[in-house]
Amino acid sequence: QVQLVESGGGLVQAGDSLRLSCAASGRTFSRYNMGWFRQAPGKEREFVAAISWSGSTSYADSVKGRFSVSRDYAKNTLYLQMNSLKPEDTAVYYCAAGVGHNWYSVGAYDYWGQGTQVTVSS
C-alpha cells in the first residue's frame, strides 16, 4: 500500500504563497496518479489539482492560473504550489494516490493523507 503525509500548511494573508508537500512511501509510486483535494467547514471535499503518472495535469477552475502541481519521482514527493491565495482557499488540504481515470473524483483515489490546514486571512 501507499502512505501519504502532507505538510506545508499554515496561516497566511491574502495574496501570499504557500507550497504544500506530500511525502509518499510504498510500492510503485511512479505508477499512481496523484491528486490534491480540499475540504472547508460545512462543505464537501472538492477536487483541486492532479497529476498523472505520465506528467499530465488538471486543475479546478477556482485555482487555475494560481496553483501548480508537480511531482518528484526520485523523492517520492508531490507538491502543490499555491500563489495569490484568497480567503476562499481556506480549507484542509489532502493529497491522494490512485489508479482511477476520473482525476476529479474522490472515488478515483485509493490512498489519502491526514490533511494539512491552510488558512488565508483577508
N, C-alpha and C. Protein backbone atom coordinates (compact mmCIF):
# COMPACT_ATOMS: atom_id res chain seq x y z
N GLN A 1 0.82 -1.17 0.00
CA GLN A 1 0.00 0.00 0.00
C GLN A 1 0.87 1.25 0.00
N VAL A 2 0.21 2.41 -0.13
CA VAL A 2 0.89 3.70 -0.15
C VAL A 2 0.46 4.51 1.06
N GLN A 3 1.43 5.11 1.73
CA GLN A 3 1.16 6.01 2.85
C GLN A 3 1.55 7.42 2.45
N LEU A 4 0.69 8.39 2.78
CA LEU A 4 0.89 9.77 2.37
C LEU A 4 0.86 10.70 3.58
N VAL A 5 1.78 11.65 3.62
CA VAL A 5 1.85 12.62 4.71
C VAL A 5 2.01 14.02 4.13
N GLU A 6 1.03 14.89 4.39
CA GLU A 6 1.07 16.26 3.90
C GLU A 6 1.79 17.17 4.89
N SER A 7 2.36 18.25 4.36
CA SER A 7 2.98 19.27 5.19
C SER A 7 3.01 20.59 4.42
N GLY A 8 3.29 21.68 5.13
CA GLY A 8 3.44 22.97 4.48
C GLY A 8 2.30 23.94 4.68
N GLY A 9 1.22 23.50 5.32
CA GLY A 9 0.10 24.39 5.56
C GLY A 9 0.42 25.42 6.62
N GLY A 10 -0.47 26.40 6.77
CA GLY A 10 -0.26 27.43 7.76
C GLY A 10 -1.23 28.58 7.60
N LEU A 11 -1.00 29.65 8.35
CA LEU A 11 -1.82 30.84 8.31
C LEU A 11 -1.10 31.92 7.53
N VAL A 12 -1.74 32.42 6.48
CA VAL A 12 -1.15 33.46 5.64
C VAL A 12 -2.20 34.52 5.32
N GLN A 13 -1.74 35.61 4.75
CA GLN A 13 -2.64 36.68 4.34
C GLN A 13 -2.96 36.56 2.85
N ALA A 14 -4.07 37.13 2.45
CA ALA A 14 -4.46 37.11 1.05
C ALA A 14 -3.34 37.66 0.18
N GLY A 15 -3.07 36.97 -0.92
CA GLY A 15 -2.02 37.37 -1.83
C GLY A 15 -0.71 36.64 -1.60
N ASP A 16 -0.57 35.99 -0.46
CA ASP A 16 0.65 35.25 -0.14
C ASP A 16 0.71 33.92 -0.89
N SER A 17 1.85 33.25 -0.76
CA SER A 17 2.06 31.95 -1.40
C SER A 17 2.43 30.89 -0.37
N LEU A 18 2.11 29.66 -0.69
CA LEU A 18 2.48 28.51 0.11
C LEU A 18 2.80 27.35 -0.82
N ARG A 19 3.67 26.46 -0.38
CA ARG A 19 3.91 25.24 -1.11
C ARG A 19 3.64 24.06 -0.21
N LEU A 20 2.68 23.25 -0.59
CA LEU A 20 2.36 22.05 0.16
C LEU A 20 3.16 20.88 -0.38
N SER A 21 3.55 19.98 0.51
CA SER A 21 4.28 18.79 0.12
C SER A 21 3.51 17.56 0.59
N CYS A 22 3.66 16.49 -0.14
CA CYS A 22 3.05 15.21 0.21
C CYS A 22 4.10 14.14 0.02
N ALA A 23 4.61 13.62 1.12
CA ALA A 23 5.62 12.57 1.07
C ALA A 23 4.94 11.21 1.00
N ALA A 24 5.33 10.43 0.01
CA ALA A 24 4.72 9.12 -0.21
C ALA A 24 5.71 8.01 0.08
N SER A 25 5.21 6.95 0.65
CA SER A 25 6.01 5.75 0.87
C SER A 25 5.20 4.55 0.44
N GLY A 26 5.88 3.57 -0.11
CA GLY A 26 5.19 2.40 -0.59
C GLY A 26 5.68 1.98 -1.96
N ARG A 27 5.00 1.02 -2.52
CA ARG A 27 5.42 0.44 -3.78
C ARG A 27 4.88 1.19 -4.99
N THR A 28 5.65 1.20 -6.04
CA THR A 28 5.28 1.72 -7.36
C THR A 28 4.63 3.09 -7.33
N PHE A 29 5.24 4.02 -6.62
CA PHE A 29 4.73 5.38 -6.54
C PHE A 29 4.58 6.01 -7.92
N SER A 30 5.53 5.76 -8.80
CA SER A 30 5.54 6.38 -10.12
C SER A 30 4.37 5.96 -11.00
N ARG A 31 3.70 4.87 -10.67
CA ARG A 31 2.60 4.38 -11.49
C ARG A 31 1.24 4.91 -11.04
N TYR A 32 1.19 5.68 -9.96
CA TYR A 32 -0.06 6.23 -9.47
C TYR A 32 -0.31 7.63 -10.01
N ASN A 33 -1.58 7.93 -10.21
CA ASN A 33 -2.00 9.31 -10.40
C ASN A 33 -2.05 9.93 -9.01
N MET A 34 -1.70 11.22 -8.92
CA MET A 34 -1.68 11.90 -7.63
C MET A 34 -2.59 13.13 -7.69
N GLY A 35 -3.33 13.36 -6.62
CA GLY A 35 -4.24 14.48 -6.61
C GLY A 35 -4.26 15.24 -5.31
N TRP A 36 -4.74 16.48 -5.38
CA TRP A 36 -4.96 17.32 -4.21
C TRP A 36 -6.44 17.64 -4.12
N PHE A 37 -7.00 17.48 -2.93
CA PHE A 37 -8.38 17.84 -2.64
C PHE A 37 -8.39 18.75 -1.42
N ARG A 38 -9.49 19.46 -1.23
CA ARG A 38 -9.61 20.30 -0.04
C ARG A 38 -11.04 20.25 0.48
N GLN A 39 -11.17 20.51 1.78
CA GLN A 39 -12.48 20.50 2.40
C GLN A 39 -12.57 21.64 3.41
N ALA A 40 -13.53 22.52 3.19
CA ALA A 40 -13.80 23.63 4.09
C ALA A 40 -14.93 23.26 5.03
N PRO A 41 -15.05 23.92 6.18
CA PRO A 41 -16.13 23.62 7.12
C PRO A 41 -17.50 23.70 6.47
N GLY A 42 -18.31 22.68 6.68
CA GLY A 42 -19.65 22.66 6.14
C GLY A 42 -19.76 22.33 4.66
N LYS A 43 -18.65 22.00 4.02
CA LYS A 43 -18.66 21.69 2.60
C LYS A 43 -18.09 20.31 2.33
N GLU A 44 -18.42 19.80 1.15
CA GLU A 44 -17.89 18.50 0.73
C GLU A 44 -16.45 18.65 0.26
N ARG A 45 -15.73 17.56 0.30
CA ARG A 45 -14.37 17.54 -0.20
C ARG A 45 -14.39 17.78 -1.71
N GLU A 46 -13.55 18.70 -2.20
CA GLU A 46 -13.56 19.06 -3.60
C GLU A 46 -12.20 18.92 -4.25
N PHE A 47 -12.22 18.64 -5.53
CA PHE A 47 -11.01 18.49 -6.32
C PHE A 47 -10.29 19.82 -6.47
N VAL A 48 -8.96 19.78 -6.38
CA VAL A 48 -8.14 20.97 -6.55
C VAL A 48 -7.22 20.83 -7.76
N ALA A 49 -6.41 19.78 -7.77
CA ALA A 49 -5.45 19.57 -8.85
C ALA A 49 -5.00 18.13 -8.86
N ALA A 50 -4.49 17.68 -10.00
CA ALA A 50 -3.99 16.32 -10.12
C ALA A 50 -2.89 16.23 -11.15
N ILE A 51 -2.07 15.21 -11.02
CA ILE A 51 -1.01 14.94 -11.99
C ILE A 51 -0.94 13.44 -12.20
N SER A 52 -0.90 13.02 -13.45
CA SER A 52 -0.88 11.61 -13.77
C SER A 52 0.52 11.03 -13.67
N TRP A 53 0.60 9.72 -13.83
CA TRP A 53 1.90 9.06 -13.79
C TRP A 53 2.80 9.52 -14.94
N SER A 54 2.19 10.02 -16.02
CA SER A 54 2.94 10.48 -17.19
C SER A 54 3.24 11.97 -17.15
N GLY A 55 2.71 12.68 -16.15
CA GLY A 55 3.00 14.09 -16.01
C GLY A 55 1.91 15.04 -16.45
N SER A 56 0.80 14.54 -16.97
CA SER A 56 -0.32 15.40 -17.35
C SER A 56 -0.96 15.99 -16.11
N THR A 57 -1.43 17.23 -16.20
CA THR A 57 -2.02 17.91 -15.05
C THR A 57 -3.43 18.38 -15.33
N SER A 58 -4.18 18.59 -14.26
CA SER A 58 -5.54 19.10 -14.36
C SER A 58 -5.82 19.95 -13.13
N TYR A 59 -6.61 21.02 -13.30
CA TYR A 59 -6.90 21.93 -12.20
C TYR A 59 -8.37 22.29 -12.14
N ALA A 60 -8.85 22.54 -10.94
CA ALA A 60 -10.18 23.08 -10.77
C ALA A 60 -10.20 24.51 -11.29
N ASP A 61 -11.34 24.93 -11.82
CA ASP A 61 -11.45 26.29 -12.36
C ASP A 61 -11.12 27.35 -11.31
N SER A 62 -11.44 27.07 -10.06
CA SER A 62 -11.24 28.04 -8.99
C SER A 62 -9.77 28.32 -8.68
N VAL A 63 -8.87 27.41 -9.09
CA VAL A 63 -7.45 27.59 -8.79
C VAL A 63 -6.58 27.70 -10.03
N LYS A 64 -7.17 27.52 -11.19
CA LYS A 64 -6.41 27.56 -12.43
C LYS A 64 -5.70 28.91 -12.60
N GLY A 65 -4.42 28.84 -12.92
CA GLY A 65 -3.63 30.05 -13.08
C GLY A 65 -2.95 30.51 -11.81
N ARG A 66 -3.36 29.96 -10.67
CA ARG A 66 -2.77 30.33 -9.39
C ARG A 66 -2.01 29.18 -8.74
N PHE A 67 -2.50 27.97 -8.92
CA PHE A 67 -1.87 26.79 -8.33
C PHE A 67 -1.14 25.99 -9.38
N SER A 68 -0.11 25.27 -8.95
CA SER A 68 0.65 24.41 -9.85
C SER A 68 1.03 23.12 -9.12
N VAL A 69 0.72 21.99 -9.73
CA VAL A 69 1.03 20.69 -9.13
C VAL A 69 2.21 20.06 -9.84
N SER A 70 3.08 19.41 -9.08
CA SER A 70 4.24 18.75 -9.64
C SER A 70 4.61 17.56 -8.77
N ARG A 71 5.49 16.72 -9.28
CA ARG A 71 5.93 15.57 -8.50
C ARG A 71 7.41 15.29 -8.76
N ASP A 72 8.09 14.81 -7.74
CA ASP A 72 9.49 14.44 -7.80
C ASP A 72 9.57 12.94 -7.59
N TYR A 73 9.81 12.21 -8.67
CA TYR A 73 9.82 10.75 -8.58
C TYR A 73 10.97 10.24 -7.71
N ALA A 74 12.11 10.89 -7.79
CA ALA A 74 13.27 10.46 -7.01
C ALA A 74 13.02 10.58 -5.52
N LYS A 75 12.26 11.59 -5.11
CA LYS A 75 11.98 11.81 -3.69
C LYS A 75 10.62 11.28 -3.26
N ASN A 76 9.87 10.71 -4.20
CA ASN A 76 8.53 10.21 -3.89
C ASN A 76 7.68 11.28 -3.22
N THR A 77 7.71 12.48 -3.79
CA THR A 77 7.02 13.61 -3.18
C THR A 77 6.16 14.35 -4.20
N LEU A 78 4.97 14.72 -3.77
CA LEU A 78 4.03 15.51 -4.55
C LEU A 78 4.01 16.92 -3.99
N TYR A 79 3.88 17.92 -4.87
CA TYR A 79 3.86 19.31 -4.43
C TYR A 79 2.65 20.05 -4.97
N LEU A 80 2.23 21.06 -4.24
CA LEU A 80 1.21 21.97 -4.71
C LEU A 80 1.68 23.38 -4.40
N GLN A 81 2.09 24.11 -5.43
CA GLN A 81 2.49 25.50 -5.27
C GLN A 81 1.25 26.37 -5.37
N MET A 82 0.97 27.14 -4.33
CA MET A 82 -0.22 27.97 -4.28
C MET A 82 0.19 29.43 -4.23
N ASN A 83 -0.18 30.18 -5.25
CA ASN A 83 0.13 31.60 -5.33
C ASN A 83 -1.15 32.42 -5.29
N SER A 84 -1.01 33.69 -4.97
CA SER A 84 -2.15 34.61 -4.92
C SER A 84 -3.31 34.03 -4.13
N LEU A 85 -3.03 33.56 -2.95
CA LEU A 85 -4.04 32.91 -2.13
C LEU A 85 -5.17 33.86 -1.76
N LYS A 86 -6.38 33.29 -1.70
CA LYS A 86 -7.58 34.02 -1.37
C LYS A 86 -8.23 33.42 -0.13
N PRO A 87 -9.04 34.19 0.60
CA PRO A 87 -9.72 33.65 1.77
C PRO A 87 -10.53 32.39 1.45
N GLU A 88 -11.11 32.32 0.26
CA GLU A 88 -11.90 31.16 -0.12
C GLU A 88 -11.06 29.90 -0.35
N ASP A 89 -9.73 30.03 -0.32
CA ASP A 89 -8.86 28.87 -0.40
C ASP A 89 -8.69 28.19 0.96
N THR A 90 -9.21 28.81 2.00
CA THR A 90 -9.10 28.25 3.35
C THR A 90 -9.79 26.89 3.43
N ALA A 91 -9.03 25.88 3.85
CA ALA A 91 -9.55 24.53 3.92
C ALA A 91 -8.47 23.60 4.43
N VAL A 92 -8.86 22.37 4.72
CA VAL A 92 -7.89 21.32 4.97
C VAL A 92 -7.56 20.70 3.62
N TYR A 93 -6.29 20.61 3.30
CA TYR A 93 -5.86 20.08 2.02
C TYR A 93 -5.35 18.66 2.18
N TYR A 94 -5.82 17.78 1.31
CA TYR A 94 -5.46 16.37 1.34
C TYR A 94 -4.78 15.96 0.04
N CYS A 95 -3.75 15.15 0.14
CA CYS A 95 -3.19 14.55 -1.06
C CYS A 95 -3.70 13.12 -1.17
N ALA A 96 -3.74 12.61 -2.39
CA ALA A 96 -4.28 11.29 -2.63
C ALA A 96 -3.55 10.61 -3.77
N ALA A 97 -3.59 9.28 -3.77
CA ALA A 97 -2.97 8.48 -4.81
C ALA A 97 -3.95 7.42 -5.28
N GLY A 98 -3.96 7.16 -6.57
CA GLY A 98 -4.85 6.15 -7.09
C GLY A 98 -4.58 5.83 -8.55
N VAL A 99 -5.35 4.91 -9.08
CA VAL A 99 -5.19 4.49 -10.47
C VAL A 99 -6.43 4.76 -11.31
N GLY A 100 -7.44 5.39 -10.72
CA GLY A 100 -8.66 5.70 -11.45
C GLY A 100 -8.44 6.74 -12.54
N HIS A 101 -9.33 6.74 -13.53
CA HIS A 101 -9.18 7.65 -14.66
C HIS A 101 -9.84 9.01 -14.44
N ASN A 102 -10.83 9.08 -13.56
CA ASN A 102 -11.52 10.34 -13.30
C ASN A 102 -10.82 11.09 -12.17
N TRP A 103 -9.83 11.86 -12.52
CA TRP A 103 -8.98 12.52 -11.54
C TRP A 103 -9.73 13.44 -10.59
N TYR A 104 -10.84 14.01 -11.06
CA TYR A 104 -11.58 14.98 -10.27
C TYR A 104 -12.47 14.35 -9.23
N SER A 105 -12.58 13.03 -9.25
CA SER A 105 -13.48 12.31 -8.36
C SER A 105 -12.74 11.69 -7.18
N VAL A 106 -13.33 11.80 -6.01
CA VAL A 106 -12.79 11.17 -4.81
C VAL A 106 -12.65 9.67 -5.01
N GLY A 107 -13.60 9.08 -5.73
CA GLY A 107 -13.61 7.64 -5.95
C GLY A 107 -12.47 7.12 -6.80
N ALA A 108 -11.73 8.00 -7.45
CA ALA A 108 -10.61 7.58 -8.29
C ALA A 108 -9.34 7.30 -7.48
N TYR A 109 -9.37 7.63 -6.21
CA TYR A 109 -8.17 7.51 -5.38
C TYR A 109 -8.31 6.44 -4.30
N ASP A 110 -7.24 5.72 -4.09
CA ASP A 110 -7.23 4.61 -3.14
C ASP A 110 -6.60 4.96 -1.81
N TYR A 111 -5.71 5.94 -1.79
CA TYR A 111 -4.97 6.29 -0.58
C TYR A 111 -5.05 7.78 -0.31
N TRP A 112 -5.13 8.13 0.96
CA TRP A 112 -5.28 9.52 1.38
C TRP A 112 -4.37 9.87 2.54
N GLY A 113 -3.90 11.11 2.56
CA GLY A 113 -3.13 11.60 3.69
C GLY A 113 -4.04 12.11 4.78
N GLN A 114 -3.46 12.59 5.87
CA GLN A 114 -4.22 13.08 7.02
C GLN A 114 -4.70 14.51 6.84
N GLY A 115 -4.11 15.25 5.93
CA GLY A 115 -4.52 16.61 5.66
C GLY A 115 -3.64 17.65 6.34
N THR A 116 -3.58 18.84 5.76
CA THR A 116 -2.85 19.95 6.35
C THR A 116 -3.70 21.21 6.21
N GLN A 117 -3.80 21.99 7.28
CA GLN A 117 -4.68 23.15 7.31
C GLN A 117 -4.04 24.35 6.62
N VAL A 118 -4.80 24.98 5.73
CA VAL A 118 -4.40 26.23 5.10
C VAL A 118 -5.46 27.27 5.44
N THR A 119 -5.04 28.36 6.07
CA THR A 119 -5.94 29.43 6.43
C THR A 119 -5.45 30.74 5.82
N VAL A 120 -6.32 31.40 5.07
CA VAL A 120 -5.96 32.65 4.40
C VAL A 120 -6.84 33.76 4.94
N SER A 121 -6.24 34.74 5.56
CA SER A 121 -6.97 35.86 6.13
C SER A 121 -7.12 36.97 5.11
N SER A 122 -8.20 37.73 5.21
CA SER A 122 -8.46 38.82 4.29
C SER A 122 -7.81 40.10 4.74
